[in-house]
Every structure is written in C-alpha cells, then in structure tokens.
C-alpha cells in the first residue's frame, strides 16, 4: 500500500492571526471588512477564479472545517507545479532504490513537505492567479511504493498538498480592485468570531509507472 501524506508541517511563528473568537465582539470595521470580502468572493467568481472564490467563501462561512482541493486540477492549471511534483517523486523513488542495501521486493517512501512559491519571481507574476489568490504559498509532498516484478520494477505514487488558510497580523495589503484591506483586518475576523481559519488538503490519484527506470523522468 502507498503510504499517506507526511505529518502536518508545524505552524510557523507569526503564521495566522491568533486564537479563534477571543475578542468578545466584532466592531463596525469588522462588518465593513467582511462585506468587502463577500463582494470579493463574487468578484473572484466573475473573473473565473473559482478556487479563490471558494477559499475566501469558506473562511467567511466561519466553520473551520478542512477544505479539500483537487490536486489534478492544480497540476493542470499550473504546469510548473506539476513538473515540480513529478521531479520530487522521481528523486524520492530513485533515492529509495539506490540507497537501499540488501534484497527487497517492495520499498516505500514518503517525502518531507516542500513549499511551493505561487509567485513566479522570474516573470514577476503569479504562476496562476486563481490558485495564487486561493492559497498563496502551500506545501506539497509525495509518497509511493516500488515493487519488483517480472524482472523489472513498478512504481506507484501519489502527491499531497497542505496549506493553512489564514491571515497574519501584518499591515500587508490585500487588494480588491480599488480597495485595500490589511492582512490584520482580515485576520481580525477570525479573532472576533466572524470568520475562521482552516486547513486545506488534497491528494492525487495513484500514478502507476510500469517498467520503472531510475534513470528516466516520470511520465
């Protein structure tokens, strides 16, 4: 069986706005900000950015449940991300086979999380604006099993993504058309109980590579 995703990465210092619903009441600015963000949900959808709209709406729904994303769609929408995942799977499988000493029939592997930077610095633009506004930076990993059979090897592997949808307490600005809202203002909705941070998860279907060759890139 293919192993699951690695344990969730630890929360980075300064990540998120703080504890949920620790401020007794939301104030007038909170309701103004929430109204602007609700308009932003519609604006994202109107631009065809369904993922950004869905992610923001889930925050504003104030439920805090995990949000599942379609990793196959992510890889299709962001070819550079697909390439990064395939490169990681190839590297991890190759390392597992070449570093193992002794006889074996099956070998399993699970990579650590790697951060995907949604902003393409070389081009000074997002790799994909829908996913950029939906998740920003997020983490990805791969896991798999290599089996010896019929004189060759078969590789079966999956990809995983993880993100914490939250807003920090900084003055960094989030722009909705002509309107700018600070990250701290958006995060304040979580602290006063009008929105809620949540975790994003996703996993791919099993990819099977017959006649796996450690010297060749994955299809």
C-alpha atoms as a PDB file:
ATOM      1  CA  UNK A   1       0.000   0.000   0.000  1.00  0.00           C
ATOM      2  CA  UNK A   2       1.113   3.537  -0.732  1.00  0.00           C
ATOM      3  CA  UNK A   3       1.885   5.485   2.462  1.00  0.00           C
ATOM      4  CA  UNK A   4      -0.201   8.540   3.250  1.00  0.00           C
ATOM      5  CA  UNK A   5       0.930  12.143   3.467  1.00  0.00           C
ATOM      6  CA  UNK A   6       3.640  13.074   5.983  1.00  0.00           C
ATOM      7  CA  UNK A   7       2.560  14.659   9.293  1.00  0.00           C
ATOM      8  CA  UNK A   8       1.233  18.209   9.005  1.00  0.00           C
ATOM      9  CA  UNK A   9       4.040  20.765   8.948  1.00  0.00           C
ATOM     10  CA  UNK A  10       4.422  22.779  12.163  1.00  0.00           C
ATOM     11  CA  UNK A  11       2.849  26.212  12.414  1.00  0.00           C
ATOM     12  CA  UNK A  12       5.443  28.839  11.564  1.00  0.00           C
ATOM     13  CA  UNK A  13       5.991  31.728  14.015  1.00  0.00           C
ATOM     14  CA  UNK A  14       3.754  34.641  13.084  1.00  0.00           C
ATOM     15  CA  UNK A  15       1.521  32.477  10.911  1.00  0.00           C
ATOM     16  CA  UNK A  16      -2.169  33.226  11.435  1.00  0.00           C
ATOM     17  CA  UNK A  17      -3.852  35.949  13.439  1.00  0.00           C
ATOM     18  CA  UNK A  18      -4.202  34.205  16.798  1.00  0.00           C
ATOM     19  CA  UNK A  19      -6.806  32.235  18.709  1.00  0.00           C
ATOM     20  CA  UNK A  20     -10.328  31.974  17.322  1.00  0.00           C
ATOM     21  CA  UNK A  21     -13.129  34.060  18.877  1.00  0.00           C
ATOM     22  CA  UNK A  22     -11.018  35.516  21.687  1.00  0.00           C
ATOM     23  CA  UNK A  23     -12.349  39.047  21.195  1.00  0.00           C
ATOM     24  CA  UNK A  24     -15.820  39.385  22.638  1.00  0.00           C
ATOM     25  CA  UNK A  25     -17.476  41.376  19.855  1.00  0.00           C
ATOM     26  CA  UNK A  26     -16.785  42.281  16.259  1.00  0.00           C
ATOM     27  CA  UNK A  27     -16.859  46.014  15.594  1.00  0.00           C
ATOM     28  CA  UNK A  28     -18.064  48.253  12.748  1.00  0.00           C
ATOM     29  CA  UNK A  29     -14.804  47.893  10.831  1.00  0.00           C
ATOM     30  CA  UNK A  30     -15.076  44.106  11.030  1.00  0.00           C
ATOM     31  CA  UNK A  31     -18.514  44.173   9.404  1.00  0.00           C
ATOM     32  CA  UNK A  32     -17.224  46.577   6.763  1.00  0.00           C
ATOM     33  CA  UNK A  33     -14.278  44.292   6.008  1.00  0.00           C
ATOM     34  CA  UNK A  34     -16.494  41.209   5.877  1.00  0.00           C
ATOM     35  CA  UNK A  35     -18.850  42.950   3.455  1.00  0.00           C
ATOM     36  CA  UNK A  36     -15.934  43.877   1.209  1.00  0.00           C
ATOM     37  CA  UNK A  37     -14.635  40.311   1.276  1.00  0.00           C
ATOM     38  CA  UNK A  38     -18.091  38.918   0.480  1.00  0.00           C
ATOM     39  CA  UNK A  39     -18.108  41.212  -2.540  1.00  0.00           C
ATOM     40  CA  UNK A  40     -14.643  39.873  -3.322  1.00  0.00           C
ATOM     41  CA  UNK A  41     -15.994  36.312  -3.365  1.00  0.00           C
ATOM     42  CA  UNK A  42     -18.404  37.361  -6.118  1.00  0.00           C
ATOM     43  CA  UNK A  43     -15.712  39.335  -7.939  1.00  0.00           C
ATOM     44  CA  UNK A  44     -13.364  36.348  -7.973  1.00  0.00           C
ATOM     45  CA  UNK A  45     -16.145  34.163  -9.365  1.00  0.00           C
ATOM     46  CA  UNK A  46     -16.963  36.739 -12.038  1.00  0.00           C
ATOM     47  CA  UNK A  47     -13.324  36.676 -13.184  1.00  0.00           C
ATOM     48  CA  UNK A  48     -13.462  32.900 -13.471  1.00  0.00           C
ATOM     49  CA  UNK A  49     -11.301  32.406 -10.384  1.00  0.00           C
ATOM     50  CA  UNK A  50     -13.435  29.714  -8.800  1.00  0.00           C
ATOM     51  CA  UNK A  51     -10.737  28.438  -6.449  1.00  0.00           C
ATOM     52  CA  UNK A  52     -10.027  31.885  -4.978  1.00  0.00           C
ATOM     53  CA  UNK A  53     -13.757  32.476  -4.569  1.00  0.00           C
ATOM     54  CA  UNK A  54     -14.278  29.099  -2.888  1.00  0.00           C
ATOM     55  CA  UNK A  55     -11.348  29.531  -0.488  1.00  0.00           C
ATOM     56  CA  UNK A  56     -12.370  33.015   0.648  1.00  0.00           C
ATOM     57  CA  UNK A  57     -16.005  31.980   0.993  1.00  0.00           C
ATOM     58  CA  UNK A  58     -15.027  29.030   3.206  1.00  0.00           C
ATOM     59  CA  UNK A  59     -13.151  31.420   5.506  1.00  0.00           C
ATOM     60  CA  UNK A  60     -16.133  33.772   5.723  1.00  0.00           C
ATOM     61  CA  UNK A  61     -18.549  30.886   6.397  1.00  0.00           C
ATOM     62  CA  UNK A  62     -16.922  30.658   9.855  1.00  0.00           C
ATOM     63  CA  UNK A  63     -16.965  26.846  10.011  1.00  0.00           C
ATOM     64  CA  UNK A  64     -13.249  25.994  10.274  1.00  0.00           C
ATOM     65  CA  UNK A  65     -13.587  22.589   8.605  1.00  0.00           C
ATOM     66  CA  UNK A  66     -10.897  21.262   6.267  1.00  0.00           C
ATOM     67  CA  UNK A  67     -11.274  22.219   2.607  1.00  0.00           C
ATOM     68  CA  UNK A  68     -10.439  19.577   0.014  1.00  0.00           C
ATOM     69  CA  UNK A  69      -8.827  20.755  -3.219  1.00  0.00           C
ATOM     70  CA  UNK A  70      -8.491  18.872  -6.500  1.00  0.00           C
ATOM     71  CA  UNK A  71      -4.797  18.235  -6.969  1.00  0.00           C
ATOM     72  CA  UNK A  72      -5.267  17.056 -10.554  1.00  0.00           C
ATOM     73  CA  UNK A  73      -6.787  20.442 -11.398  1.00  0.00           C
ATOM     74  CA  UNK A  74      -3.922  22.225  -9.649  1.00  0.00           C
ATOM     75  CA  UNK A  75      -1.348  20.365 -11.729  1.00  0.00           C
ATOM     76  CA  UNK A  76      -3.279  21.012 -14.929  1.00  0.00           C
ATOM     77  CA  UNK A  77      -3.667  24.719 -14.155  1.00  0.00           C
ATOM     78  CA  UNK A  78      -0.041  25.183 -13.048  1.00  0.00           C
ATOM     79  CA  UNK A  79       2.327  23.183 -15.299  1.00  0.00           C
ATOM     80  CA  UNK A  80       5.394  24.314 -13.338  1.00  0.00           C
ATOM     81  CA  UNK A  81       3.825  22.861 -10.179  1.00  0.00           C
ATOM     82  CA  UNK A  82       3.110  19.593 -11.981  1.00  0.00           C
ATOM     83  CA  UNK A  83       6.743  19.433 -13.085  1.00  0.00           C
ATOM     84  CA  UNK A  84       7.945  20.107  -9.533  1.00  0.00           C
ATOM     85  CA  UNK A  85       5.806  17.262  -8.164  1.00  0.00           C
ATOM     86  CA  UNK A  86       6.999  14.812 -10.814  1.00  0.00           C
ATOM     87  CA  UNK A  87      10.613  15.817 -10.207  1.00  0.00           C
ATOM     88  CA  UNK A  88      10.175  15.244  -6.469  1.00  0.00           C
ATOM     89  CA  UNK A  89       8.561  11.825  -6.985  1.00  0.00           C
ATOM     90  CA  UNK A  90      11.351  10.802  -9.345  1.00  0.00           C
ATOM     91  CA  UNK A  91      14.052  11.971  -6.924  1.00  0.00           C
ATOM     92  CA  UNK A  92      12.482  10.270  -3.891  1.00  0.00           C
ATOM     93  CA  UNK A  93      11.886   6.947  -5.679  1.00  0.00           C
ATOM     94  CA  UNK A  94      15.387   6.942  -7.178  1.00  0.00           C
ATOM     95  CA  UNK A  95      16.962   7.717  -3.791  1.00  0.00           C
ATOM     96  CA  UNK A  96      14.989   4.943  -2.101  1.00  0.00           C
ATOM     97  CA  UNK A  97      16.038   2.303  -4.641  1.00  0.00           C
ATOM     98  CA  UNK A  98      19.674   3.319  -4.936  1.00  0.00           C
ATOM     99  CA  UNK A  99      20.282   3.824  -1.204  1.00  0.00           C
ATOM    100  CA  UNK A 100      18.697   0.567  -0.007  1.00  0.00           C
ATOM    101  CA  UNK A 101      21.212  -2.143   0.853  1.00  0.00           C
ATOM    102  CA  UNK A 102      20.178  -5.798   0.661  1.00  0.00           C
ATOM    103  CA  UNK A 103      17.470  -7.829  -1.066  1.00  0.00           C
ATOM    104  CA  UNK A 104      13.976  -6.398  -1.349  1.00  0.00           C
ATOM    105  CA  UNK A 105      10.603  -6.968  -3.015  1.00  0.00           C
ATOM    106  CA  UNK A 106       8.834  -3.726  -2.099  1.00  0.00           C
ATOM    107  CA  UNK A 107      10.134  -0.376  -0.895  1.00  0.00           C
ATOM    108  CA  UNK A 108       8.049   2.555   0.306  1.00  0.00           C
ATOM    109  CA  UNK A 109       8.900   6.239   0.570  1.00  0.00           C
ATOM    110  CA  UNK A 110       7.370   9.455   1.869  1.00  0.00           C
ATOM    111  CA  UNK A 111       8.973  12.814   1.192  1.00  0.00           C
ATOM    112  CA  UNK A 112       9.005  15.734   3.616  1.00  0.00           C
ATOM    113  CA  UNK A 113       6.887  18.763   2.749  1.00  0.00           C
ATOM    114  CA  UNK A 114       8.283  21.244   0.231  1.00  0.00           C
ATOM    115  CA  UNK A 115       6.974  24.820  -0.039  1.00  0.00           C
ATOM    116  CA  UNK A 116       5.567  25.852  -3.416  1.00  0.00           C
ATOM    117  CA  UNK A 117       6.000  29.547  -4.124  1.00  0.00           C
ATOM    118  CA  UNK A 118       2.915  30.633  -6.056  1.00  0.00           C
ATOM    119  CA  UNK A 119       4.578  33.838  -7.247  1.00  0.00           C
ATOM    120  CA  UNK A 120       6.920  33.460 -10.229  1.00  0.00           C
ATOM    121  CA  UNK A 121       9.783  35.818  -9.382  1.00  0.00           C
ATOM    122  CA  UNK A 122      11.409  35.382 -12.792  1.00  0.00           C
ATOM    123  CA  UNK A 123       8.330  36.725 -14.564  1.00  0.00           C
ATOM    124  CA  UNK A 124       7.102  38.909 -11.672  1.00  0.00           C
ATOM    125  CA  UNK A 125       3.642  37.375 -11.875  1.00  0.00           C
ATOM    126  CA  UNK A 126       1.694  34.521 -10.341  1.00  0.00           C
ATOM    127  CA  UNK A 127       2.070  31.086 -11.881  1.00  0.00           C
ATOM    128  CA  UNK A 128      -1.745  31.051 -11.855  1.00  0.00           C
ATOM    129  CA  UNK A 129      -3.745  33.913 -10.323  1.00  0.00           C
ATOM    130  CA  UNK A 130      -6.721  31.787  -9.302  1.00  0.00           C
ATOM    131  CA  UNK A 131      -4.593  29.457  -7.176  1.00  0.00           C
ATOM    132  CA  UNK A 132      -2.393  32.354  -6.053  1.00  0.00           C
ATOM    133  CA  UNK A 133      -5.356  34.167  -4.511  1.00  0.00           C
ATOM    134  CA  UNK A 134      -6.827  30.893  -3.245  1.00  0.00           C
ATOM    135  CA  UNK A 135      -3.798  29.557  -1.365  1.00  0.00           C
ATOM    136  CA  UNK A 136      -0.725  31.722  -1.879  1.00  0.00           C
ATOM    137  CA  UNK A 137       2.204  29.568  -0.779  1.00  0.00           C
ATOM    138  CA  UNK A 138       1.414  25.974   0.114  1.00  0.00           C
ATOM    139  CA  UNK A 139       3.237  22.702   0.773  1.00  0.00           C
ATOM    140  CA  UNK A 140       3.458  19.563  -1.326  1.00  0.00           C
ATOM    141  CA  UNK A 141       4.831  16.069  -0.782  1.00  0.00           C
ATOM    142  CA  UNK A 142       4.866  12.662  -2.468  1.00  0.00           C
ATOM    143  CA  UNK A 143       4.661   9.078  -1.266  1.00  0.00           C
ATOM    144  CA  UNK A 144       4.923   5.793  -3.083  1.00  0.00           C
ATOM    145  CA  UNK A 145       5.833   2.138  -3.300  1.00  0.00           C
ATOM    146  CA  UNK A 146       8.280   0.420  -5.647  1.00  0.00           C
ATOM    147  CA  UNK A 147       7.697  -3.267  -6.384  1.00  0.00           C
ATOM    148  CA  UNK A 148       9.971  -5.766  -8.117  1.00  0.00           C
ATOM    149  CA  UNK A 149       8.042  -7.954 -10.550  1.00  0.00           C
ATOM    150  CA  UNK A 150       8.730  -9.853 -13.766  1.00  0.00           C
ATOM    151  CA  UNK A 151      12.364  -8.853 -13.755  1.00  0.00           C
ATOM    152  CA  UNK A 152      11.608  -5.143 -13.583  1.00  0.00           C
ATOM    153  CA  UNK A 153      10.164  -2.541 -11.242  1.00  0.00           C
ATOM    154  CA  UNK A 154       6.755  -0.899 -10.920  1.00  0.00           C
ATOM    155  CA  UNK A 155       6.381   2.465  -9.207  1.00  0.00           C
ATOM    156  CA  UNK A 156       3.060   3.595  -7.732  1.00  0.00           C
ATOM    157  CA  UNK A 157       2.962   7.060  -6.216  1.00  0.00           C
ATOM    158  CA  UNK A 158       0.680   9.873  -5.073  1.00  0.00           C
ATOM    159  CA  UNK A 159       1.055  13.589  -4.460  1.00  0.00           C
ATOM    160  CA  UNK A 160      -0.283  15.549  -1.478  1.00  0.00           C
ATOM    161  CA  UNK A 161      -0.854  19.239  -0.746  1.00  0.00           C
ATOM    162  CA  UNK A 162      -1.315  21.066   2.555  1.00  0.00           C
ATOM    163  CA  UNK A 163      -1.978  24.664   3.496  1.00  0.00           C
ATOM    164  CA  UNK A 164      -3.285  26.695   6.398  1.00  0.00           C
ATOM    165  CA  UNK A 165      -5.708  29.322   5.141  1.00  0.00           C
ATOM    166  CA  UNK A 166      -5.083  32.220   7.492  1.00  0.00           C
ATOM    167  CA  UNK A 167      -4.134  35.876   7.664  1.00  0.00           C
ATOM    168  CA  UNK A 168      -1.359  37.289   9.814  1.00  0.00           C
ATOM    169  CA  UNK A 169      -1.320  40.467  11.903  1.00  0.00           C
ATOM    170  CA  UNK A 170       0.776  42.459   9.461  1.00  0.00           C
ATOM    171  CA  UNK A 171      -0.043  45.628   7.588  1.00  0.00           C
ATOM    172  CA  UNK A 172       0.483  43.876   4.252  1.00  0.00           C
ATOM    173  CA  UNK A 173      -2.312  44.841   1.901  1.00  0.00           C
ATOM    174  CA  UNK A 174      -4.814  42.638   0.117  1.00  0.00           C
ATOM    175  CA  UNK A 175      -6.221  44.467  -2.891  1.00  0.00           C
ATOM    176  CA  UNK A 176      -9.778  44.033  -4.121  1.00  0.00           C
ATOM    177  CA  UNK A 177      -9.959  46.284  -7.149  1.00  0.00           C
ATOM    178  CA  UNK A 178      -9.557  49.848  -5.872  1.00  0.00           C
ATOM    179  CA  UNK A 179      -9.983  48.777  -2.226  1.00  0.00           C
ATOM    180  CA  UNK A 180      -7.063  47.744   0.001  1.00  0.00           C
ATOM    181  CA  UNK A 181      -7.559  45.777   3.222  1.00  0.00           C
ATOM    182  CA  UNK A 182      -4.722  44.866   5.576  1.00  0.00           C
ATOM    183  CA  UNK A 183      -3.997  41.249   6.432  1.00  0.00           C
ATOM    184  CA  UNK A 184      -4.510  42.184  10.088  1.00  0.00           C
ATOM    185  CA  UNK A 185      -8.046  43.430   9.362  1.00  0.00           C
ATOM    186  CA  UNK A 186      -8.940  40.203   7.564  1.00  0.00           C
ATOM    187  CA  UNK A 187      -7.373  38.121  10.344  1.00  0.00           C
ATOM    188  CA  UNK A 188      -9.295  40.112  12.964  1.00  0.00           C
ATOM    189  CA  UNK A 189     -12.497  38.479  11.697  1.00  0.00           C
ATOM    190  CA  UNK A 190     -11.102  35.148  12.939  1.00  0.00           C
ATOM    191  CA  UNK A 191     -10.285  36.619  16.348  1.00  0.00           C
ATOM    192  CA  UNK A 192     -13.730  38.148  16.813  1.00  0.00           C
ATOM    193  CA  UNK A 193     -15.525  35.010  15.582  1.00  0.00           C
ATOM    194  CA  UNK A 194     -16.922  36.251  12.268  1.00  0.00           C
ATOM    195  CA  UNK A 195     -14.692  34.068  10.063  1.00  0.00           C
ATOM    196  CA  UNK A 196     -12.473  31.100  10.768  1.00  0.00           C
ATOM    197  CA  UNK A 197      -9.074  29.845   9.680  1.00  0.00           C
ATOM    198  CA  UNK A 198      -8.942  26.326   8.279  1.00  0.00           C
ATOM    199  CA  UNK A 199      -6.689  23.686   6.745  1.00  0.00           C
ATOM    200  CA  UNK A 200      -6.536  22.872   3.041  1.00  0.00           C
ATOM    201  CA  UNK A 201      -5.733  19.322   1.957  1.00  0.00           C
ATOM    202  CA  UNK A 202      -5.582  17.473  -1.326  1.00  0.00           C
ATOM    203  CA  UNK A 203      -4.321  14.218  -2.756  1.00  0.00           C
ATOM    204  CA  UNK A 204      -3.852  12.893  -6.255  1.00  0.00           C
ATOM    205  CA  UNK A 205      -4.975   9.594  -7.706  1.00  0.00           C
ATOM    206  CA  UNK A 206      -2.374   6.839  -7.829  1.00  0.00           C
ATOM    207  CA  UNK A 207       0.111   7.211 -10.669  1.00  0.00           C
ATOM    208  CA  UNK A 208       1.460   3.859 -11.903  1.00  0.00           C
ATOM    209  CA  UNK A 209       4.741   3.565 -13.802  1.00  0.00           C
ATOM    210  CA  UNK A 210       5.363   0.109 -15.265  1.00  0.00           C
ATOM    211  CA  UNK A 211       8.962  -0.827 -16.102  1.00  0.00           C
ATOM    212  CA  UNK A 212      10.140   1.945 -13.808  1.00  0.00           C
ATOM    213  CA  UNK A 213      13.689   3.100 -14.595  1.00  0.00           C
ATOM    214  CA  UNK A 214      15.528   5.270 -12.062  1.00  0.00           C
ATOM    215  CA  UNK A 215      17.440   6.977 -14.889  1.00  0.00           C
ATOM    216  CA  UNK A 216      14.372   8.211 -16.754  1.00  0.00           C
ATOM    217  CA  UNK A 217      11.984  11.084 -15.872  1.00  0.00           C
ATOM    218  CA  UNK A 218       8.485  10.098 -14.805  1.00  0.00           C
ATOM    219  CA  UNK A 219       5.737  10.321 -17.424  1.00  0.00           C
END
